Amino acid sequence: LAATGTSKVDIVGHSQGGMMPRHYLKFLGGAAKVNAL
């Protein structure tokens, strides 16, 4: 976000990489910085 000057990202994950971001979204404030998973 700092490098691109944007306020949100989209995340694409494979296997664990598609599940693990849900912890970030739910417990670490990631929902404010992510448009789509």
PDB file of all heavy atoms in Angstrom:
ATOM      1  N   LEU A   1       0.829  -1.204   0.000  1.00  0.00           N
ATOM      2  CA  LEU A   1       0.000   0.000   0.000  1.00  0.00           C
ATOM      3  C   LEU A   1       0.866   1.257   0.000  1.00  0.00           C
ATOM      4  O   LEU A   1       0.579   2.226  -0.727  1.00  0.00           O
ATOM      5  CB  LEU A   1      -0.929   0.002   1.214  1.00  0.00           C
ATOM      6  CG  LEU A   1      -2.033  -1.058   1.235  1.00  0.00           C
ATOM      7  CD1 LEU A   1      -2.821  -0.979   2.545  1.00  0.00           C
ATOM      8  CD2 LEU A   1      -2.971  -0.911   0.042  1.00  0.00           C
ATOM      9  N   ALA A   2       1.929   1.244   0.783  1.00  0.00           N
ATOM     10  CA  ALA A   2       2.818   2.401   0.836  1.00  0.00           C
ATOM     11  C   ALA A   2       3.511   2.619  -0.505  1.00  0.00           C
ATOM     12  O   ALA A   2       3.657   3.761  -0.970  1.00  0.00           O
ATOM     13  CB  ALA A   2       3.848   2.219   1.945  1.00  0.00           C
ATOM     14  N   ALA A   3       3.935   1.540  -1.149  1.00  0.00           N
ATOM     15  CA  ALA A   3       4.658   1.662  -2.416  1.00  0.00           C
ATOM     16  C   ALA A   3       3.753   2.127  -3.550  1.00  0.00           C
ATOM     17  O   ALA A   3       4.173   2.888  -4.426  1.00  0.00           O
ATOM     18  CB  ALA A   3       5.294   0.322  -2.779  1.00  0.00           C
ATOM     19  N   THR A   4       2.497   1.669  -3.550  1.00  0.00           N
ATOM     20  CA  THR A   4       1.597   1.969  -4.654  1.00  0.00           C
ATOM     21  C   THR A   4       0.714   3.185  -4.409  1.00  0.00           C
ATOM     22  O   THR A   4       0.065   3.680  -5.333  1.00  0.00           O
ATOM     23  CB  THR A   4       0.682   0.759  -4.950  1.00  0.00           C
ATOM     24  OG1 THR A   4      -0.062   0.428  -3.759  1.00  0.00           O
ATOM     25  CG2 THR A   4       1.509  -0.437  -5.393  1.00  0.00           C
ATOM     26  N   GLY A   5       0.671   3.667  -3.170  1.00  0.00           N
ATOM     27  CA  GLY A   5      -0.149   4.828  -2.851  1.00  0.00           C
ATOM     28  C   GLY A   5      -1.636   4.545  -2.884  1.00  0.00           C
ATOM     29  O   GLY A   5      -2.444   5.459  -3.082  1.00  0.00           O
ATOM     30  N   THR A   6      -2.010   3.293  -2.668  1.00  0.00           N
ATOM     31  CA  THR A   6      -3.424   2.913  -2.683  1.00  0.00           C
ATOM     32  C   THR A   6      -3.914   2.648  -1.264  1.00  0.00           C
ATOM     33  O   THR A   6      -3.114   2.508  -0.332  1.00  0.00           O
ATOM     34  CB  THR A   6      -3.637   1.664  -3.545  1.00  0.00           C
ATOM     35  OG1 THR A   6      -2.748   0.631  -3.113  1.00  0.00           O
ATOM     36  CG2 THR A   6      -3.356   1.969  -5.013  1.00  0.00           C
ATOM     37  N   SER A   7      -5.219   2.561  -1.116  1.00  0.00           N
ATOM     38  CA  SER A   7      -5.783   2.350   0.220  1.00  0.00           C
ATOM     39  C   SER A   7      -6.194   0.904   0.459  1.00  0.00           C
ATOM     40  O   SER A   7      -6.386   0.499   1.608  1.00  0.00           O
ATOM     41  CB  SER A   7      -6.999   3.256   0.432  1.00  0.00           C
ATOM     42  OG  SER A   7      -8.016   2.976  -0.523  1.00  0.00           O
ATOM     43  N   LYS A   8      -6.347   0.121  -0.625  1.00  0.00           N
ATOM     44  CA  LYS A   8      -6.749  -1.277  -0.486  1.00  0.00           C
ATOM     45  C   LYS A   8      -6.045  -2.143  -1.525  1.00  0.00           C
ATOM     46  O   LYS A   8      -5.628  -1.655  -2.579  1.00  0.00           O
ATOM     47  CB  LYS A   8      -8.264  -1.443  -0.638  1.00  0.00           C
ATOM     48  CG  LYS A   8      -9.072  -0.912   0.536  1.00  0.00           C
ATOM     49  CD  LYS A   8     -10.532  -1.337   0.428  1.00  0.00           C
ATOM     50  CE  LYS A   8     -11.316  -0.898   1.663  1.00  0.00           C
ATOM     51  NZ  LYS A   8     -12.716  -1.377   1.641  1.00  0.00           N
ATOM     52  N   VAL A   9      -5.916  -3.417  -1.187  1.00  0.00           N
ATOM     53  CA  VAL A   9      -5.389  -4.407  -2.119  1.00  0.00           C
ATOM     54  C   VAL A   9      -6.468  -5.459  -2.380  1.00  0.00           C
ATOM     55  O   VAL A   9      -7.473  -5.528  -1.676  1.00  0.00           O
ATOM     56  CB  VAL A   9      -4.127  -5.112  -1.572  1.00  0.00           C
ATOM     57  CG1 VAL A   9      -3.039  -4.118  -1.237  1.00  0.00           C
ATOM     58  CG2 VAL A   9      -4.474  -5.980  -0.349  1.00  0.00           C
ATOM     59  N   ASP A  10      -6.246  -6.266  -3.399  1.00  0.00           N
ATOM     60  CA  ASP A  10      -6.966  -7.516  -3.576  1.00  0.00           C
ATOM     61  C   ASP A  10      -5.983  -8.642  -3.296  1.00  0.00           C
ATOM     62  O   ASP A  10      -4.796  -8.541  -3.645  1.00  0.00           O
ATOM     63  CB  ASP A  10      -7.513  -7.649  -4.999  1.00  0.00           C
ATOM     64  CG  ASP A  10      -8.643  -6.675  -5.278  1.00  0.00           C
ATOM     65  OD1 ASP A  10      -9.468  -6.445  -4.369  1.00  0.00           O
ATOM     66  OD2 ASP A  10      -8.701  -6.134  -6.400  1.00  0.00           O
ATOM     67  N   ILE A  11      -6.445  -9.712  -2.681  1.00  0.00           N
ATOM     68  CA  ILE A  11      -5.591 -10.850  -2.341  1.00  0.00           C
ATOM     69  C   ILE A  11      -6.064 -12.073  -3.107  1.00  0.00           C
ATOM     70  O   ILE A  11      -7.260 -12.369  -3.149  1.00  0.00           O
ATOM     71  CB  ILE A  11      -5.612 -11.131  -0.823  1.00  0.00           C
ATOM     72  CG1 ILE A  11      -4.983  -9.972  -0.055  1.00  0.00           C
ATOM     73  CG2 ILE A  11      -4.889 -12.441  -0.510  1.00  0.00           C
ATOM     74  CD1 ILE A  11      -5.034 -10.141   1.469  1.00  0.00           C
ATOM     75  N   VAL A  12      -5.115 -12.770  -3.723  1.00  0.00           N
ATOM     76  CA  VAL A  12      -5.384 -14.053  -4.358  1.00  0.00           C
ATOM     77  C   VAL A  12      -4.453 -15.074  -3.713  1.00  0.00           C
ATOM     78  O   VAL A  12      -3.233 -14.886  -3.692  1.00  0.00           O
ATOM     79  CB  VAL A  12      -5.142 -14.022  -5.881  1.00  0.00           C
ATOM     80  CG1 VAL A  12      -5.418 -15.389  -6.499  1.00  0.00           C
ATOM     81  CG2 VAL A  12      -6.009 -12.945  -6.535  1.00  0.00           C
ATOM     82  N   GLY A  13      -5.021 -16.145  -3.168  1.00  0.00           N
ATOM     83  CA  GLY A  13      -4.205 -17.145  -2.486  1.00  0.00           C
ATOM     84  C   GLY A  13      -4.522 -18.544  -2.952  1.00  0.00           C
ATOM     85  O   GLY A  13      -5.654 -18.851  -3.352  1.00  0.00           O
ATOM     86  N   HIS A  14      -3.514 -19.397  -2.894  1.00  0.00           N
ATOM     87  CA  HIS A  14      -3.660 -20.804  -3.275  1.00  0.00           C
ATOM     88  C   HIS A  14      -3.540 -21.672  -2.033  1.00  0.00           C
ATOM     89  O   HIS A  14      -2.613 -21.515  -1.248  1.00  0.00           O
ATOM     90  CB  HIS A  14      -2.568 -21.181  -4.283  1.00  0.00           C
ATOM     91  CG  HIS A  14      -2.609 -22.606  -4.743  1.00  0.00           C
ATOM     92  ND1 HIS A  14      -1.477 -23.332  -5.021  1.00  0.00           N
ATOM     93  CD2 HIS A  14      -3.651 -23.456  -4.956  1.00  0.00           C
ATOM     94  CE1 HIS A  14      -1.806 -24.553  -5.406  1.00  0.00           C
ATOM     95  NE2 HIS A  14      -3.124 -24.656  -5.364  1.00  0.00           N
ATOM     96  N   SER A  15      -4.487 -22.585  -1.835  1.00  0.00           N
ATOM     97  CA  SER A  15      -4.439 -23.548  -0.739  1.00  0.00           C
ATOM     98  C   SER A  15      -4.408 -22.811   0.601  1.00  0.00           C
ATOM     99  O   SER A  15      -5.289 -22.001   0.875  1.00  0.00           O
ATOM    100  CB  SER A  15      -3.241 -24.492  -0.933  1.00  0.00           C
ATOM    101  OG  SER A  15      -3.316 -25.607  -0.086  1.00  0.00           O
ATOM    102  N   GLN A  16      -3.395 -23.044   1.451  1.00  0.00           N
ATOM    103  CA  GLN A  16      -3.307 -22.297   2.704  1.00  0.00           C
ATOM    104  C   GLN A  16      -3.343 -20.800   2.444  1.00  0.00           C
ATOM    105  O   GLN A  16      -3.897 -20.034   3.243  1.00  0.00           O
ATOM    106  CB  GLN A  16      -2.014 -22.650   3.464  1.00  0.00           C
ATOM    107  CG  GLN A  16      -1.881 -21.904   4.781  1.00  0.00           C
ATOM    108  CD  GLN A  16      -0.513 -22.031   5.457  1.00  0.00           C
ATOM    109  OE1 GLN A  16      -0.170 -21.244   6.333  1.00  0.00           O
ATOM    110  NE2 GLN A  16       0.275 -23.013   5.062  1.00  0.00           N
ATOM    111  N   GLY A  17      -2.774 -20.371   1.321  1.00  0.00           N
ATOM    112  CA  GLY A  17      -2.744 -18.953   0.986  1.00  0.00           C
ATOM    113  C   GLY A  17      -4.102 -18.350   0.705  1.00  0.00           C
ATOM    114  O   GLY A  17      -4.249 -17.126   0.703  1.00  0.00           O
ATOM    115  N   GLY A  18      -5.108 -19.183   0.462  1.00  0.00           N
ATOM    116  CA  GLY A  18      -6.458 -18.681   0.309  1.00  0.00           C
ATOM    117  C   GLY A  18      -7.242 -18.674   1.600  1.00  0.00           C
ATOM    118  O   GLY A  18      -8.275 -18.008   1.713  1.00  0.00           O
ATOM    119  N   MET A  19      -6.756 -19.413   2.585  1.00  0.00           N
ATOM    120  CA  MET A  19      -7.407 -19.483   3.890  1.00  0.00           C
ATOM    121  C   MET A  19      -6.738 -18.571   4.902  1.00  0.00           C
ATOM    122  O   MET A  19      -7.401 -17.848   5.655  1.00  0.00           O
ATOM    123  CB  MET A  19      -7.404 -20.934   4.392  1.00  0.00           C
ATOM    124  CG  MET A  19      -7.904 -21.134   5.808  1.00  0.00           C
ATOM    125  SD  MET A  19      -6.601 -20.984   7.077  1.00  0.00           S
ATOM    126  CE  MET A  19      -5.645 -22.455   6.778  1.00  0.00           C
ATOM    127  N   MET A  20      -5.414 -18.576   4.968  1.00  0.00           N
ATOM    128  CA  MET A  20      -4.686 -17.800   5.972  1.00  0.00           C
ATOM    129  C   MET A  20      -5.075 -16.317   5.996  1.00  0.00           C
ATOM    130  O   MET A  20      -5.212 -15.719   7.080  1.00  0.00           O
ATOM    131  CB  MET A  20      -3.183 -17.959   5.756  1.00  0.00           C
ATOM    132  CG  MET A  20      -2.309 -17.121   6.674  1.00  0.00           C
ATOM    133  SD  MET A  20      -1.902 -15.494   6.003  1.00  0.00           S
ATOM    134  CE  MET A  20      -0.571 -15.913   4.885  1.00  0.00           C
ATOM    135  N   PRO A  21      -5.278 -15.665   4.829  1.00  0.00           N
ATOM    136  CA  PRO A  21      -5.655 -14.246   4.885  1.00  0.00           C
ATOM    137  C   PRO A  21      -6.942 -13.979   5.647  1.00  0.00           C
ATOM    138  O   PRO A  21      -7.158 -12.856   6.120  1.00  0.00           O
ATOM    139  CB  PRO A  21      -5.804 -13.876   3.402  1.00  0.00           C
ATOM    140  CG  PRO A  21      -4.892 -14.812   2.679  1.00  0.00           C
ATOM    141  CD  PRO A  21      -5.016 -16.105   3.437  1.00  0.00           C
ATOM    142  N   ARG A  22      -7.797 -14.981   5.797  1.00  0.00           N
ATOM    143  CA  ARG A  22      -9.032 -14.770   6.556  1.00  0.00           C
ATOM    144  C   ARG A  22      -8.734 -14.451   8.014  1.00  0.00           C
ATOM    145  O   ARG A  22      -9.500 -13.709   8.659  1.00  0.00           O
ATOM    146  CB  ARG A  22      -9.939 -15.988   6.442  1.00  0.00           C
ATOM    147  CG  ARG A  22     -10.505 -16.202   5.030  1.00  0.00           C
ATOM    148  CD  ARG A  22     -11.369 -17.442   4.954  1.00  0.00           C
ATOM    149  NE  ARG A  22     -12.366 -17.457   6.012  1.00  0.00           N
ATOM    150  CZ  ARG A  22     -12.658 -18.537   6.751  1.00  0.00           C
ATOM    151  NH1 ARG A  22     -12.024 -19.695   6.545  1.00  0.00           N
ATOM    152  NH2 ARG A  22     -13.564 -18.469   7.696  1.00  0.00           N
ATOM    153  N   HIS A  23      -7.641 -14.980   8.548  1.00  0.00           N
ATOM    154  CA  HIS A  23      -7.239 -14.620   9.916  1.00  0.00           C
ATOM    155  C   HIS A  23      -6.835 -13.145   9.957  1.00  0.00           C
ATOM    156  O   HIS A  23      -7.195 -12.420  10.899  1.00  0.00           O
ATOM    157  CB  HIS A  23      -6.086 -15.511  10.375  1.00  0.00           C
ATOM    158  CG  HIS A  23      -5.654 -15.249  11.787  1.00  0.00           C
ATOM    159  ND1 HIS A  23      -6.179 -15.920  12.866  1.00  0.00           N
ATOM    160  CD2 HIS A  23      -4.742 -14.376  12.306  1.00  0.00           C
ATOM    161  CE1 HIS A  23      -5.620 -15.481  13.987  1.00  0.00           C
ATOM    162  NE2 HIS A  23      -4.745 -14.535  13.673  1.00  0.00           N
ATOM    163  N   TYR A  24      -6.113 -12.707   8.952  1.00  0.00           N
ATOM    164  CA  TYR A  24      -5.714 -11.301   8.841  1.00  0.00           C
ATOM    165  C   TYR A  24      -6.947 -10.409   8.756  1.00  0.00           C
ATOM    166  O   TYR A  24      -7.027  -9.370   9.428  1.00  0.00           O
ATOM    167  CB  TYR A  24      -4.825 -11.144   7.606  1.00  0.00           C
ATOM    168  CG  TYR A  24      -4.572  -9.738   7.153  1.00  0.00           C
ATOM    169  CD1 TYR A  24      -4.005  -8.783   7.996  1.00  0.00           C
ATOM    170  CD2 TYR A  24      -4.877  -9.348   5.840  1.00  0.00           C
ATOM    171  CE1 TYR A  24      -3.761  -7.480   7.557  1.00  0.00           C
ATOM    172  CE2 TYR A  24      -4.626  -8.070   5.390  1.00  0.00           C
ATOM    173  CZ  TYR A  24      -4.074  -7.135   6.256  1.00  0.00           C
ATOM    174  OH  TYR A  24      -3.828  -5.856   5.808  1.00  0.00           O
ATOM    175  N   LEU A  25      -7.930 -10.807   7.955  1.00  0.00           N
ATOM    176  CA  LEU A  25      -9.132 -10.005   7.797  1.00  0.00           C
ATOM    177  C   LEU A  25      -9.947  -9.955   9.084  1.00  0.00           C
ATOM    178  O   LEU A  25     -10.490  -8.900   9.455  1.00  0.00           O
ATOM    179  CB  LEU A  25     -10.010 -10.587   6.680  1.00  0.00           C
ATOM    180  CG  LEU A  25      -9.412 -10.639   5.277  1.00  0.00           C
ATOM    181  CD1 LEU A  25     -10.382 -11.304   4.313  1.00  0.00           C
ATOM    182  CD2 LEU A  25      -9.039  -9.258   4.790  1.00  0.00           C
ATOM    183  N   LYS A  26     -10.025 -11.071   9.779  1.00  0.00           N
ATOM    184  CA  LYS A  26     -10.949 -11.197  10.913  1.00  0.00           C
ATOM    185  C   LYS A  26     -10.368 -10.692  12.225  1.00  0.00           C
ATOM    186  O   LYS A  26     -11.098 -10.109  13.048  1.00  0.00           O
ATOM    187  CB  LYS A  26     -11.356 -12.667  11.070  1.00  0.00           C
ATOM    188  CG  LYS A  26     -12.541 -12.915  11.984  1.00  0.00           C
ATOM    189  CD  LYS A  26     -13.031 -14.348  11.851  1.00  0.00           C
ATOM    190  CE  LYS A  26     -14.323 -14.588  12.606  1.00  0.00           C
ATOM    191  NZ  LYS A  26     -14.834 -15.972  12.427  1.00  0.00           N
ATOM    192  N   PHE A  27      -9.067 -10.875  12.420  1.00  0.00           N
ATOM    193  CA  PHE A  27      -8.483 -10.601  13.727  1.00  0.00           C
ATOM    194  C   PHE A  27      -7.407  -9.518  13.735  1.00  0.00           C
ATOM    195  O   PHE A  27      -7.034  -9.050  14.809  1.00  0.00           O
ATOM    196  CB  PHE A  27      -7.892 -11.888  14.317  1.00  0.00           C
ATOM    197  CG  PHE A  27      -8.887 -12.990  14.509  1.00  0.00           C
ATOM    198  CD1 PHE A  27      -8.820 -14.140  13.747  1.00  0.00           C
ATOM    199  CD2 PHE A  27      -9.906 -12.872  15.451  1.00  0.00           C
ATOM    200  CE1 PHE A  27      -9.741 -15.165  13.915  1.00  0.00           C
ATOM    201  CE2 PHE A  27     -10.833 -13.893  15.627  1.00  0.00           C
ATOM    202  CZ  PHE A  27     -10.757 -15.041  14.860  1.00  0.00           C
ATOM    203  N   LEU A  28      -6.900  -9.121  12.565  1.00  0.00           N
ATOM    204  CA  LEU A  28      -5.755  -8.206  12.523  1.00  0.00           C
ATOM    205  C   LEU A  28      -6.053  -6.908  11.786  1.00  0.00           C
ATOM    206  O   LEU A  28      -5.133  -6.201  11.387  1.00  0.00           O
ATOM    207  CB  LEU A  28      -4.549  -8.910  11.873  1.00  0.00           C
ATOM    208  CG  LEU A  28      -4.093 -10.207  12.553  1.00  0.00           C
ATOM    209  CD1 LEU A  28      -2.949 -10.842  11.769  1.00  0.00           C
ATOM    210  CD2 LEU A  28      -3.662  -9.943  13.996  1.00  0.00           C
ATOM    211  N   GLY A  29      -7.325  -6.605  11.603  1.00  0.00           N
ATOM    212  CA  GLY A  29      -7.691  -5.348  10.969  1.00  0.00           C
ATOM    213  C   GLY A  29      -7.558  -5.319   9.466  1.00  0.00           C
ATOM    214  O   GLY A  29      -7.657  -4.251   8.852  1.00  0.00           O
ATOM    215  N   GLY A  30      -7.368  -6.462   8.861  1.00  0.00           N
ATOM    216  CA  GLY A  30      -7.141  -6.491   7.420  1.00  0.00           C
ATOM    217  C   GLY A  30      -8.342  -6.107   6.589  1.00  0.00           C
ATOM    218  O   GLY A  30      -8.191  -5.681   5.437  1.00  0.00           O
ATOM    219  N   ALA A  31      -9.548  -6.238   7.131  1.00  0.00           N
ATOM    220  CA  ALA A  31     -10.743  -5.932   6.352  1.00  0.00           C
ATOM    221  C   ALA A  31     -10.764  -4.492   5.870  1.00  0.00           C
ATOM    222  O   ALA A  31     -11.350  -4.195   4.827  1.00  0.00           O
ATOM    223  CB  ALA A  31     -11.993  -6.238   7.175  1.00  0.00           C
ATOM    224  N   ALA A  32     -10.128  -3.601   6.595  1.00  0.00           N
ATOM    225  CA  ALA A  32     -10.092  -2.195   6.202  1.00  0.00           C
ATOM    226  C   ALA A  32      -9.121  -1.951   5.040  1.00  0.00           C
ATOM    227  O   ALA A  32      -9.164  -0.885   4.416  1.00  0.00           O
ATOM    228  CB  ALA A  32      -9.696  -1.328   7.391  1.00  0.00           C
ATOM    229  N   LYS A  33      -8.272  -2.944   4.737  1.00  0.00           N
ATOM    230  CA  LYS A  33      -7.244  -2.751   3.721  1.00  0.00           C
ATOM    231  C   LYS A  33      -7.393  -3.697   2.538  1.00  0.00           C
ATOM    232  O   LYS A  33      -6.552  -3.687   1.634  1.00  0.00           O
ATOM    233  CB  LYS A  33      -5.863  -2.954   4.360  1.00  0.00           C
ATOM    234  CG  LYS A  33      -5.590  -2.013   5.524  1.00  0.00           C
ATOM    235  CD  LYS A  33      -4.275  -2.325   6.213  1.00  0.00           C
ATOM    236  CE  LYS A  33      -4.044  -1.427   7.421  1.00  0.00           C
ATOM    237  NZ  LYS A  33      -2.764  -1.735   8.114  1.00  0.00           N
ATOM    238  N   VAL A  34      -8.438  -4.515   2.543  1.00  0.00           N
ATOM    239  CA  VAL A  34      -8.622  -5.526   1.496  1.00  0.00           C
ATOM    240  C   VAL A  34     -10.002  -5.386   0.886  1.00  0.00           C
ATOM    241  O   VAL A  34     -11.012  -5.369   1.601  1.00  0.00           O
ATOM    242  CB  VAL A  34      -8.428  -6.944   2.060  1.00  0.00           C
ATOM    243  CG1 VAL A  34      -8.706  -7.995   0.982  1.00  0.00           C
ATOM    244  CG2 VAL A  34      -7.004  -7.115   2.604  1.00  0.00           C
ATOM    245  N   ASN A  35     -10.046  -5.304  -0.434  1.00  0.00           N
ATOM    246  CA  ASN A  35     -11.315  -5.232  -1.154  1.00  0.00           C
ATOM    247  C   ASN A  35     -11.889  -6.619  -1.416  1.00  0.00           C
ATOM    248  O   ASN A  35     -13.082  -6.852  -1.232  1.00  0.00           O
ATOM    249  CB  ASN A  35     -11.112  -4.504  -2.478  1.00  0.00           C
ATOM    250  CG  ASN A  35     -12.310  -4.610  -3.398  1.00  0.00           C
ATOM    251  OD1 ASN A  35     -13.347  -4.006  -3.139  1.00  0.00           O
ATOM    252  ND2 ASN A  35     -12.167  -5.373  -4.479  1.00  0.00           N
ATOM    253  N   ALA A  36     -11.019  -7.553  -1.861  1.00  0.00           N
ATOM    254  CA  ALA A  36     -11.497  -8.881  -2.241  1.00  0.00           C
ATOM    255  C   ALA A  36     -10.461  -9.929  -1.885  1.00  0.00           C
ATOM    256  O   ALA A  36      -9.247  -9.686  -1.955  1.00  0.00           O
ATOM    257  CB  ALA A  36     -11.794  -8.935  -3.739  1.00  0.00           C
ATOM    258  N   LEU A  37     -10.956 -11.102  -1.512  1.00  0.00           N
ATOM    259  CA  LEU A  37     -10.117 -12.268  -1.277  1.00  0.00           C
ATOM    260  C   LEU A  37     -10.580 -13.371  -2.230  1.00  0.00           C
ATOM    261  O   LEU A  37     -11.743 -13.775  -2.198  1.00  0.00           O
ATOM    262  CB  LEU A  37     -10.216 -12.753   0.167  1.00  0.00           C
ATOM    263  CG  LEU A  37      -9.557 -14.108   0.479  1.00  0.00           C
ATOM    264  CD1 LEU A  37      -8.050 -14.061   0.209  1.00  0.00           C
ATOM    265  CD2 LEU A  37      -9.832 -14.522   1.925  1.00  0.00           C
TER     266      LEU A  37
END
